[in-house]
Amino acid sequence: MSERKGGASGPKSGGKGGKPEAAKGASAKASAPVKGAGGKPAAAKAEPKGSEQRAAEQKAAEQKVAEPKASEPKAAAAAPEGPGGAPAVKKAFKRTLIGRVKSDKMDKTVVVEVVRSKMDPVYKKYVRVRKSYQAHDEENAYKVGDRVEIIEHRPISRFKRWKVINLVERAVQE
């Protein structure tokens, strides 16, 4: 058996076979105290205040000055209150479109065709653009040819994301 000077040389022993001291990681250094001459823990060196430390202290002081007082939060003071003292729920803006009912064959659903004018990017002329939307009609009240107003709604089915809210003009009966 050949013995080496310095004892065992495994990766944990710190010998030649393991990782270099710098590559072991900060966790190993933080947990083990650094030993100086004579096997006693080395005293921490007092470093003079550098420009980095002064800058960090100034930043901390500026942040304390800039922070609002915790006693009166801005959001709670400015928010309007709803019924019962609870904060009012802010409603999202929902689009409304006006179009003509194209089909009423489905139950509680109408297909509304919305026609709008869009400028052609090449010829600079206005062109009619048609788009169909499936809208929810709870009472099956709207018939083909009616002009209706639809509003955005949460998804009701696979294609229905609109709801009929108003009858603008009734279709001409022949």
C-alpha atoms as a PDB file:
ATOM      1  CA  MET A   1       0.000   0.000   0.000  1.00  0.00           C
ATOM      2  CA  SER A   2       1.341   3.375  -0.911  1.00  0.00           C
ATOM      3  CA  GLU A   3       0.420   6.245   1.342  1.00  0.00           C
ATOM      4  CA  ARG A   4       0.563   9.800   0.169  1.00  0.00           C
ATOM      5  CA  LYS A   5       1.666  12.736   2.193  1.00  0.00           C
ATOM      6  CA  GLY A   6      -1.233  14.739   3.577  1.00  0.00           C
ATOM      7  CA  GLY A   7      -3.671  11.894   4.181  1.00  0.00           C
ATOM      8  CA  ALA A   8      -6.630  10.748   2.093  1.00  0.00           C
ATOM      9  CA  SER A   9      -7.278  12.411  -1.237  1.00  0.00           C
ATOM     10  CA  GLY A  10     -10.998  12.196  -1.884  1.00  0.00           C
ATOM     11  CA  PRO A  11     -13.215  14.966  -3.241  1.00  0.00           C
ATOM     12  CA  LYS A  12     -14.418  15.863   0.280  1.00  0.00           C
ATOM     13  CA  SER A  13     -11.028  15.813   1.940  1.00  0.00           C
ATOM     14  CA  GLY A  14      -9.665  18.791   0.040  1.00  0.00           C
ATOM     15  CA  GLY A  15      -6.652  16.855  -1.284  1.00  0.00           C
ATOM     16  CA  LYS A  16      -5.280  16.799  -4.808  1.00  0.00           C
ATOM     17  CA  GLY A  17      -8.039  14.615  -6.254  1.00  0.00           C
ATOM     18  CA  GLY A  18     -10.978  16.902  -5.379  1.00  0.00           C
ATOM     19  CA  LYS A  19     -12.236  20.182  -6.723  1.00  0.00           C
ATOM     20  CA  PRO A  20     -10.119  23.304  -6.263  1.00  0.00           C
ATOM     21  CA  GLU A  21     -10.964  25.397  -3.195  1.00  0.00           C
ATOM     22  CA  ALA A  22     -12.557  28.184  -5.268  1.00  0.00           C
ATOM     23  CA  ALA A  23     -14.915  25.785  -7.061  1.00  0.00           C
ATOM     24  CA  LYS A  24     -16.367  24.220  -3.901  1.00  0.00           C
ATOM     25  CA  GLY A  25     -19.038  26.895  -3.591  1.00  0.00           C
ATOM     26  CA  ALA A  26     -20.017  29.550  -1.101  1.00  0.00           C
ATOM     27  CA  SER A  27     -22.022  27.160   1.082  1.00  0.00           C
ATOM     28  CA  ALA A  28     -18.928  25.188   2.050  1.00  0.00           C
ATOM     29  CA  LYS A  29     -17.008  28.345   2.899  1.00  0.00           C
ATOM     30  CA  ALA A  30     -19.819  29.887   4.929  1.00  0.00           C
ATOM     31  CA  SER A  31     -20.365  26.800   7.083  1.00  0.00           C
ATOM     32  CA  ALA A  32     -16.711  26.120   7.942  1.00  0.00           C
ATOM     33  CA  PRO A  33     -14.806  28.786   9.903  1.00  0.00           C
ATOM     34  CA  VAL A  34     -11.597  30.001   8.318  1.00  0.00           C
ATOM     35  CA  LYS A  35      -8.610  28.918  10.346  1.00  0.00           C
ATOM     36  CA  GLY A  36      -5.530  31.013  10.690  1.00  0.00           C
ATOM     37  CA  ALA A  37      -2.044  30.158  12.005  1.00  0.00           C
ATOM     38  CA  GLY A  38      -2.026  27.685  14.898  1.00  0.00           C
ATOM     39  CA  GLY A  39      -5.450  26.212  14.062  1.00  0.00           C
ATOM     40  CA  LYS A  40      -7.381  29.104  15.630  1.00  0.00           C
ATOM     41  CA  PRO A  41     -10.149  30.949  13.767  1.00  0.00           C
ATOM     42  CA  ALA A  42      -8.814  33.987  11.941  1.00  0.00           C
ATOM     43  CA  ALA A  43     -10.141  37.396  13.012  1.00  0.00           C
ATOM     44  CA  ALA A  44     -12.290  39.235  10.466  1.00  0.00           C
ATOM     45  CA  LYS A  45     -10.409  42.085   8.865  1.00  0.00           C
ATOM     46  CA  ALA A  46     -11.947  45.509   9.284  1.00  0.00           C
ATOM     47  CA  GLU A  47     -12.225  46.975   5.807  1.00  0.00           C
ATOM     48  CA  PRO A  48     -12.333  50.733   5.394  1.00  0.00           C
ATOM     49  CA  LYS A  49     -15.566  52.185   3.972  1.00  0.00           C
ATOM     50  CA  GLY A  50     -15.309  52.112   0.233  1.00  0.00           C
ATOM     51  CA  SER A  51     -17.205  54.168  -2.291  1.00  0.00           C
ATOM     52  CA  GLU A  52     -19.502  51.178  -2.968  1.00  0.00           C
ATOM     53  CA  GLN A  53     -20.618  50.990   0.655  1.00  0.00           C
ATOM     54  CA  ARG A  54     -21.253  54.736   0.802  1.00  0.00           C
ATOM     55  CA  ALA A  55     -23.331  54.563  -2.382  1.00  0.00           C
ATOM     56  CA  ALA A  56     -25.409  51.695  -0.972  1.00  0.00           C
ATOM     57  CA  GLU A  57     -26.055  53.644   2.245  1.00  0.00           C
ATOM     58  CA  GLN A  58     -27.131  56.733   0.279  1.00  0.00           C
ATOM     59  CA  LYS A  59     -29.543  54.643  -1.831  1.00  0.00           C
ATOM     60  CA  ALA A  60     -31.103  53.152   1.294  1.00  0.00           C
ATOM     61  CA  ALA A  61     -31.546  56.625   2.794  1.00  0.00           C
ATOM     62  CA  GLU A  62     -33.162  57.944  -0.419  1.00  0.00           C
ATOM     63  CA  GLN A  63     -35.586  55.005  -0.550  1.00  0.00           C
ATOM     64  CA  LYS A  64     -36.708  55.662   3.020  1.00  0.00           C
ATOM     65  CA  VAL A  65     -37.416  59.289   2.156  1.00  0.00           C
ATOM     66  CA  ALA A  66     -39.212  58.441  -1.111  1.00  0.00           C
ATOM     67  CA  GLU A  67     -41.509  55.747   0.377  1.00  0.00           C
ATOM     68  CA  PRO A  68     -45.061  56.924   1.235  1.00  0.00           C
ATOM     69  CA  LYS A  69     -46.276  56.647   4.784  1.00  0.00           C
ATOM     70  CA  ALA A  70     -47.756  53.261   5.627  1.00  0.00           C
ATOM     71  CA  SER A  71     -50.546  54.839   7.687  1.00  0.00           C
ATOM     72  CA  GLU A  72     -52.421  56.152   4.631  1.00  0.00           C
ATOM     73  CA  PRO A  73     -52.139  53.983   1.505  1.00  0.00           C
ATOM     74  CA  LYS A  74     -52.809  55.837  -1.752  1.00  0.00           C
ATOM     75  CA  ALA A  75     -54.804  53.054  -3.440  1.00  0.00           C
ATOM     76  CA  ALA A  76     -57.287  52.647  -0.596  1.00  0.00           C
ATOM     77  CA  ALA A  77     -57.819  56.398  -0.178  1.00  0.00           C
ATOM     78  CA  ALA A  78     -58.462  57.019  -3.898  1.00  0.00           C
ATOM     79  CA  ALA A  79     -60.622  53.930  -4.590  1.00  0.00           C
ATOM     80  CA  PRO A  80     -64.370  54.586  -4.606  1.00  0.00           C
ATOM     81  CA  GLU A  81     -66.449  52.441  -2.319  1.00  0.00           C
ATOM     82  CA  GLY A  82     -69.403  50.399  -3.467  1.00  0.00           C
ATOM     83  CA  PRO A  83     -72.465  49.296  -1.511  1.00  0.00           C
ATOM     84  CA  GLY A  84     -71.749  48.052   2.005  1.00  0.00           C
ATOM     85  CA  GLY A  85     -68.398  49.845   2.208  1.00  0.00           C
ATOM     86  CA  ALA A  86     -66.699  47.261  -0.022  1.00  0.00           C
ATOM     87  CA  PRO A  87     -64.367  48.554  -2.747  1.00  0.00           C
ATOM     88  CA  ALA A  88     -66.182  49.059  -6.046  1.00  0.00           C
ATOM     89  CA  VAL A  89     -65.331  46.618  -8.823  1.00  0.00           C
ATOM     90  CA  LYS A  90     -63.864  48.355 -11.852  1.00  0.00           C
ATOM     91  CA  LYS A  91     -65.783  47.272 -14.952  1.00  0.00           C
ATOM     92  CA  ALA A  92     -63.874  46.485 -18.103  1.00  0.00           C
ATOM     93  CA  PHE A  93     -64.714  48.258 -21.338  1.00  0.00           C
ATOM     94  CA  LYS A  94     -66.828  46.004 -23.561  1.00  0.00           C
ATOM     95  CA  ARG A  95     -67.162  46.582 -27.301  1.00  0.00           C
ATOM     96  CA  THR A  96     -70.576  47.037 -28.842  1.00  0.00           C
ATOM     97  CA  LEU A  97     -71.353  46.485 -32.523  1.00  0.00           C
ATOM     98  CA  ILE A  98     -74.454  47.018 -34.654  1.00  0.00           C
ATOM     99  CA  GLY A  99     -75.314  44.518 -37.364  1.00  0.00           C
ATOM    100  CA  ARG A 100     -78.081  42.690 -39.197  1.00  0.00           C
ATOM    101  CA  VAL A 101     -79.360  39.241 -38.184  1.00  0.00           C
ATOM    102  CA  LYS A 102     -78.350  36.822 -40.916  1.00  0.00           C
ATOM    103  CA  SER A 103     -79.678  33.592 -39.392  1.00  0.00           C
ATOM    104  CA  ASP A 104     -81.958  32.617 -36.501  1.00  0.00           C
ATOM    105  CA  LYS A 105     -82.165  28.849 -37.095  1.00  0.00           C
ATOM    106  CA  MET A 106     -80.292  27.877 -33.912  1.00  0.00           C
ATOM    107  CA  ASP A 107     -81.918  27.802 -30.491  1.00  0.00           C
ATOM    108  CA  LYS A 108     -81.114  30.899 -28.402  1.00  0.00           C
ATOM    109  CA  THR A 109     -78.508  31.976 -30.978  1.00  0.00           C
ATOM    110  CA  VAL A 110     -78.512  34.416 -33.873  1.00  0.00           C
ATOM    111  CA  VAL A 111     -75.814  35.033 -36.457  1.00  0.00           C
ATOM    112  CA  VAL A 112     -75.215  38.780 -36.792  1.00  0.00           C
ATOM    113  CA  GLU A 113     -73.371  40.211 -39.777  1.00  0.00           C
ATOM    114  CA  VAL A 114     -71.500  43.446 -39.033  1.00  0.00           C
ATOM    115  CA  VAL A 115     -70.515  45.576 -42.024  1.00  0.00           C
ATOM    116  CA  ARG A 116     -67.824  48.226 -41.624  1.00  0.00           C
ATOM    117  CA  SER A 117     -65.757  50.335 -43.991  1.00  0.00           C
ATOM    118  CA  LYS A 118     -62.009  49.899 -44.145  1.00  0.00           C
ATOM    119  CA  MET A 119     -59.554  51.822 -46.275  1.00  0.00           C
ATOM    120  CA  ASP A 120     -57.650  49.672 -48.761  1.00  0.00           C
ATOM    121  CA  PRO A 121     -53.917  50.117 -48.095  1.00  0.00           C
ATOM    122  CA  VAL A 122     -52.949  50.121 -51.786  1.00  0.00           C
ATOM    123  CA  TYR A 123     -55.800  51.887 -53.563  1.00  0.00           C
ATOM    124  CA  LYS A 124     -56.804  54.216 -50.672  1.00  0.00           C
ATOM    125  CA  LYS A 125     -60.484  53.533 -51.298  1.00  0.00           C
ATOM    126  CA  TYR A 126     -62.969  52.440 -48.671  1.00  0.00           C
ATOM    127  CA  VAL A 127     -64.030  48.820 -48.979  1.00  0.00           C
ATOM    128  CA  ARG A 128     -66.891  47.130 -47.098  1.00  0.00           C
ATOM    129  CA  VAL A 129     -65.671  44.432 -44.735  1.00  0.00           C
ATOM    130  CA  ARG A 130     -68.227  41.900 -43.469  1.00  0.00           C
ATOM    131  CA  LYS A 131     -67.815  39.763 -40.400  1.00  0.00           C
ATOM    132  CA  SER A 132     -70.290  37.367 -38.792  1.00  0.00           C
ATOM    133  CA  TYR A 133     -70.666  36.898 -35.047  1.00  0.00           C
ATOM    134  CA  GLN A 134     -72.748  34.336 -33.199  1.00  0.00           C
ATOM    135  CA  ALA A 135     -74.648  36.113 -30.431  1.00  0.00           C
ATOM    136  CA  HIS A 136     -76.787  34.849 -27.573  1.00  0.00           C
ATOM    137  CA  ASP A 137     -80.548  35.521 -27.898  1.00  0.00           C
ATOM    138  CA  GLU A 138     -82.193  34.241 -24.708  1.00  0.00           C
ATOM    139  CA  GLU A 139     -85.862  34.559 -25.798  1.00  0.00           C
ATOM    140  CA  ASN A 140     -85.433  33.790 -29.525  1.00  0.00           C
ATOM    141  CA  ALA A 141     -86.937  37.236 -30.109  1.00  0.00           C
ATOM    142  CA  TYR A 142     -84.885  38.403 -33.089  1.00  0.00           C
ATOM    143  CA  LYS A 143     -85.628  37.368 -36.671  1.00  0.00           C
ATOM    144  CA  VAL A 144     -83.731  37.515 -39.971  1.00  0.00           C
ATOM    145  CA  GLY A 145     -83.289  41.086 -41.188  1.00  0.00           C
ATOM    146  CA  ASP A 146     -83.482  42.789 -37.766  1.00  0.00           C
ATOM    147  CA  ARG A 147     -80.803  45.345 -36.958  1.00  0.00           C
ATOM    148  CA  VAL A 148     -79.466  44.580 -33.474  1.00  0.00           C
ATOM    149  CA  GLU A 149     -76.796  45.797 -31.092  1.00  0.00           C
ATOM    150  CA  ILE A 150     -74.451  43.167 -29.665  1.00  0.00           C
ATOM    151  CA  ILE A 151     -71.988  43.428 -26.788  1.00  0.00           C
ATOM    152  CA  GLU A 152     -68.919  41.419 -25.827  1.00  0.00           C
ATOM    153  CA  HIS A 153     -69.652  38.685 -23.310  1.00  0.00           C
ATOM    154  CA  ARG A 154     -67.858  35.852 -21.580  1.00  0.00           C
ATOM    155  CA  PRO A 155     -67.671  32.643 -23.663  1.00  0.00           C
ATOM    156  CA  ILE A 156     -71.089  30.998 -23.737  1.00  0.00           C
ATOM    157  CA  SER A 157     -70.225  28.194 -26.147  1.00  0.00           C
ATOM    158  CA  ARG A 158     -67.488  27.323 -28.632  1.00  0.00           C
ATOM    159  CA  PHE A 159     -68.181  30.263 -30.968  1.00  0.00           C
ATOM    160  CA  LYS A 160     -70.529  32.501 -28.946  1.00  0.00           C
ATOM    161  CA  ARG A 161     -68.746  35.408 -27.256  1.00  0.00           C
ATOM    162  CA  TRP A 162     -71.405  38.085 -27.894  1.00  0.00           C
ATOM    163  CA  LYS A 163     -74.865  38.812 -26.521  1.00  0.00           C
ATOM    164  CA  VAL A 164     -77.753  40.732 -28.148  1.00  0.00           C
ATOM    165  CA  ILE A 165     -78.667  43.698 -25.952  1.00  0.00           C
ATOM    166  CA  ASN A 166     -80.905  45.906 -28.080  1.00  0.00           C
ATOM    167  CA  LEU A 167     -83.183  45.894 -31.121  1.00  0.00           C
ATOM    168  CA  VAL A 168     -82.236  48.870 -33.305  1.00  0.00           C
ATOM    169  CA  GLU A 169     -84.693  48.321 -36.181  1.00  0.00           C
ATOM    170  CA  ARG A 170     -87.261  45.626 -36.909  1.00  0.00           C
ATOM    171  CA  ALA A 171     -87.137  43.933 -40.336  1.00  0.00           C
ATOM    172  CA  VAL A 172     -89.791  44.926 -42.882  1.00  0.00           C
ATOM    173  CA  GLN A 173     -92.641  42.396 -42.921  1.00  0.00           C
ATOM    174  CA  GLU A 174     -93.955  41.526 -46.403  1.00  0.00           C
END
